[in-house]
């Protein structure tokens, strides 16, 4: 047996044990796979915070879905790479959608309560809109995404958690932290 075969068997054994709820096996699997997977994700998303989030999401997925691993179809590492690759691609697609939405929202004039955009309040409203767009650009991407989905798209926290395949508590924390950062930014603005 070559060292490579032994490594593959060890990885497959760890995944089988993870499927039974073995936390020690999960920790060992994490230690073995996380450096390579993090590097792969980082190359794809080019953002350390997002790469860390995807790493966490991917390992959560592995913990929950280890029973679906079939050693006859692929090595454990190859199986994990596919999971993390899909998670990174999903994140990139979500980022592109957000950017298009923000771009579109920035280009469209906001609806005014006044029927005439030449009202006395229009310059102040346009300035406030620009300030809010600037503030949204200053908060971390994960918080920005959660805030935009909650307030611009009308999603509930539960819907956001489901849409992003992220724990509900994480979504609530991202929205809260995002709003706090927006508030701080807007307080400092003239």
Protein backbone atom coordinates (compact mmCIF):
# COMPACT_ATOMS: atom_id res chain seq x y z
CA UNK A 1 0.00 0.00 0.00
CA UNK A 2 1.42 3.40 -0.97
CA UNK A 3 1.41 6.33 1.46
CA UNK A 4 -1.20 7.97 -0.77
CA UNK A 5 -3.51 4.94 -0.45
CA UNK A 6 -3.06 4.96 3.32
CA UNK A 7 -3.94 8.66 3.45
CA UNK A 8 -7.08 8.08 1.38
CA UNK A 9 -8.17 5.23 3.62
CA UNK A 10 -7.58 7.34 6.72
CA UNK A 11 -9.64 10.20 5.25
CA UNK A 12 -12.46 7.84 4.24
CA UNK A 13 -12.41 6.26 7.70
CA UNK A 14 -12.59 9.67 9.33
CA UNK A 15 -15.62 10.57 7.21
CA UNK A 16 -17.35 7.30 8.11
CA UNK A 17 -16.75 8.10 11.77
CA UNK A 18 -17.98 11.68 11.28
CA UNK A 19 -21.20 10.21 9.85
CA UNK A 20 -21.73 8.47 13.20
CA UNK A 21 -21.33 11.77 15.08
CA UNK A 22 -17.70 11.28 16.13
CA UNK A 23 -16.51 14.78 17.04
CA UNK A 24 -12.87 13.73 17.43
CA UNK A 25 -12.86 12.31 13.89
CA UNK A 26 -14.46 15.55 12.69
CA UNK A 27 -11.71 17.60 14.38
CA UNK A 28 -9.03 15.44 12.76
CA UNK A 29 -10.72 15.73 9.37
CA UNK A 30 -10.89 19.50 9.81
CA UNK A 31 -7.20 19.65 10.69
CA UNK A 32 -6.30 17.55 7.64
CA UNK A 33 -8.53 19.30 5.08
CA UNK A 34 -8.96 22.91 6.19
CA UNK A 35 -5.59 24.32 5.01
CA UNK A 36 -6.02 23.06 1.45
CA UNK A 37 -9.72 23.88 1.28
CA UNK A 38 -9.22 27.38 2.69
CA UNK A 39 -6.53 28.03 0.09
CA UNK A 40 -8.85 26.86 -2.70
CA UNK A 41 -11.74 29.00 -1.47
CA UNK A 42 -9.56 32.06 -0.98
CA UNK A 43 -8.31 31.81 -4.56
CA UNK A 44 -11.91 31.70 -5.75
CA UNK A 45 -13.51 34.46 -3.66
CA UNK A 46 -10.43 36.63 -3.01
CA UNK A 47 -11.76 37.73 0.38
CA UNK A 48 -10.45 36.30 3.66
CA UNK A 49 -13.64 36.89 5.65
CA UNK A 50 -15.79 35.28 2.99
CA UNK A 51 -13.34 32.38 2.68
CA UNK A 52 -13.55 31.81 6.44
CA UNK A 53 -17.36 31.90 6.30
CA UNK A 54 -17.42 29.41 3.42
CA UNK A 55 -14.98 27.16 5.27
CA UNK A 56 -17.33 27.15 8.26
CA UNK A 57 -20.40 26.55 6.08
CA UNK A 58 -18.65 23.76 4.20
CA UNK A 59 -17.57 21.91 7.32
CA UNK A 60 -21.05 22.33 8.78
CA UNK A 61 -22.35 20.73 5.58
CA UNK A 62 -19.86 17.88 5.90
CA UNK A 63 -20.90 17.29 9.52
CA UNK A 64 -24.56 17.12 8.52
CA UNK A 65 -24.12 15.19 5.27
CA UNK A 66 -21.21 12.84 5.98
CA UNK A 67 -23.60 9.90 5.63
CA UNK A 68 -23.92 10.69 1.91
CA UNK A 69 -20.22 10.15 1.24
CA UNK A 70 -19.53 7.11 -0.93
CA UNK A 71 -15.87 6.02 -0.92
CA UNK A 72 -16.47 4.00 -4.09
CA UNK A 73 -17.21 7.19 -6.04
CA UNK A 74 -14.36 9.47 -4.90
CA UNK A 75 -11.76 10.12 -2.28
CA UNK A 76 -12.88 11.98 0.84
CA UNK A 77 -10.82 15.03 -0.10
CA UNK A 78 -12.26 15.13 -3.64
CA UNK A 79 -15.76 14.92 -2.17
CA UNK A 80 -14.95 17.79 0.20
CA UNK A 81 -13.43 19.88 -2.60
CA UNK A 82 -16.65 19.58 -4.60
CA UNK A 83 -18.73 20.70 -1.61
CA UNK A 84 -16.52 23.71 -0.93
CA UNK A 85 -16.25 24.60 -4.61
CA UNK A 86 -20.05 24.67 -4.88
CA UNK A 87 -20.32 26.79 -1.73
CA UNK A 88 -17.76 29.26 -3.12
CA UNK A 89 -19.54 29.44 -6.48
CA UNK A 90 -22.86 30.04 -4.72
CA UNK A 91 -21.25 32.85 -2.73
CA UNK A 92 -19.77 34.41 -5.87
CA UNK A 93 -23.14 34.27 -7.62
CA UNK A 94 -24.84 35.85 -4.60
CA UNK A 95 -22.18 38.57 -4.57
CA UNK A 96 -22.77 39.29 -8.26
CA UNK A 97 -26.54 39.45 -7.69
CA UNK A 98 -26.05 41.87 -4.78
CA UNK A 99 -23.73 44.04 -6.82
CA UNK A 100 -26.26 44.17 -9.68
CA UNK A 101 -29.07 45.04 -7.25
CA UNK A 102 -27.03 47.77 -5.59
CA UNK A 103 -25.92 49.07 -8.98
CA UNK A 104 -29.50 49.13 -10.20
CA UNK A 105 -30.76 50.75 -7.00
CA UNK A 106 -28.01 53.35 -7.18
CA UNK A 107 -28.87 54.19 -10.77
CA UNK A 108 -32.63 54.45 -10.20
CA UNK A 109 -33.96 57.58 -8.54
CA UNK A 110 -35.73 56.86 -5.27
CA UNK A 111 -39.47 57.41 -5.24
CA UNK A 112 -40.40 60.68 -3.68
CA UNK A 113 -43.50 61.34 -1.64
CA UNK A 114 -43.79 64.60 -3.48
CA UNK A 115 -45.13 64.38 -7.01
CA UNK A 116 -42.48 66.76 -8.25
CA UNK A 117 -38.79 65.81 -8.00
CA UNK A 118 -38.00 69.52 -7.97
CA UNK A 119 -39.48 69.89 -4.50
CA UNK A 120 -37.51 71.67 -1.83
CA UNK A 121 -36.71 68.32 -0.13
CA UNK A 122 -35.29 66.65 -3.27
CA UNK A 123 -31.65 67.80 -2.87
CA UNK A 124 -31.56 66.67 0.76
CA UNK A 125 -33.20 63.34 -0.13
CA UNK A 126 -30.69 62.69 -2.93
CA UNK A 127 -27.84 63.53 -0.58
CA UNK A 128 -29.21 61.14 2.04
CA UNK A 129 -29.59 58.38 -0.58
CA UNK A 130 -25.98 58.86 -1.66
CA UNK A 131 -24.88 58.77 1.96
CA UNK A 132 -26.77 55.51 2.59
CA UNK A 133 -25.24 53.91 -0.53
CA UNK A 134 -21.81 55.02 0.66
CA UNK A 135 -22.47 53.66 4.14
CA UNK A 136 -23.57 50.29 2.73
CA UNK A 137 -20.28 50.12 0.87
CA UNK A 138 -18.38 50.55 4.14
CA UNK A 139 -19.77 47.57 6.03
CA UNK A 140 -18.50 43.98 5.60
CA UNK A 141 -20.00 42.10 2.67
CA UNK A 142 -21.78 39.47 4.78
CA UNK A 143 -23.47 42.17 6.86
CA UNK A 144 -24.32 44.23 3.78
CA UNK A 145 -25.92 41.18 2.16
CA UNK A 146 -28.04 40.42 5.23
CA UNK A 147 -29.15 44.07 5.63
CA UNK A 148 -30.03 44.40 1.95
CA UNK A 149 -32.04 41.17 1.94
CA UNK A 150 -33.86 42.19 5.10
CA UNK A 151 -34.62 45.80 4.26
CA UNK A 152 -34.52 46.14 0.48
CA UNK A 153 -35.83 42.72 -0.50
CA UNK A 154 -38.21 42.28 2.43
CA UNK A 155 -36.94 38.87 3.56
CA UNK A 156 -37.43 37.70 7.14
CA UNK A 157 -34.41 36.53 9.10
CA UNK A 158 -35.58 32.94 8.66
CA UNK A 159 -35.87 33.38 4.89
CA UNK A 160 -32.41 34.93 4.71
CA UNK A 161 -30.95 32.06 6.75
CA UNK A 162 -32.55 29.55 4.40
CA UNK A 163 -31.55 31.46 1.25
CA UNK A 164 -27.92 31.77 2.34
CA UNK A 165 -27.76 28.33 4.02
CA UNK A 166 -26.51 30.07 7.15
CA UNK A 167 -27.63 29.55 10.77
CA UNK A 168 -30.44 31.87 11.89
CA UNK A 169 -28.38 33.23 14.80
CA UNK A 170 -25.58 34.18 12.40
CA UNK A 171 -28.03 36.05 10.16
CA UNK A 172 -29.54 37.93 13.12
CA UNK A 173 -26.05 38.89 14.29
CA UNK A 174 -25.04 40.05 10.79
CA UNK A 175 -28.15 42.22 10.44
CA UNK A 176 -27.66 43.72 13.90
CA UNK A 177 -23.94 44.37 13.41
CA UNK A 178 -24.62 45.80 9.94
CA UNK A 179 -27.27 48.18 11.27
CA UNK A 180 -25.02 49.27 14.12
CA UNK A 181 -22.20 50.00 11.68
CA UNK A 182 -24.56 51.87 9.37
CA UNK A 183 -25.81 53.92 12.32
CA UNK A 184 -22.26 54.78 13.37
CA UNK A 185 -21.31 55.74 9.83
CA UNK A 186 -24.42 57.88 9.39
CA UNK A 187 -23.87 59.58 12.78
CA UNK A 188 -20.41 60.68 11.65
CA UNK A 189 -21.73 62.00 8.35
CA UNK A 190 -22.53 65.70 8.13
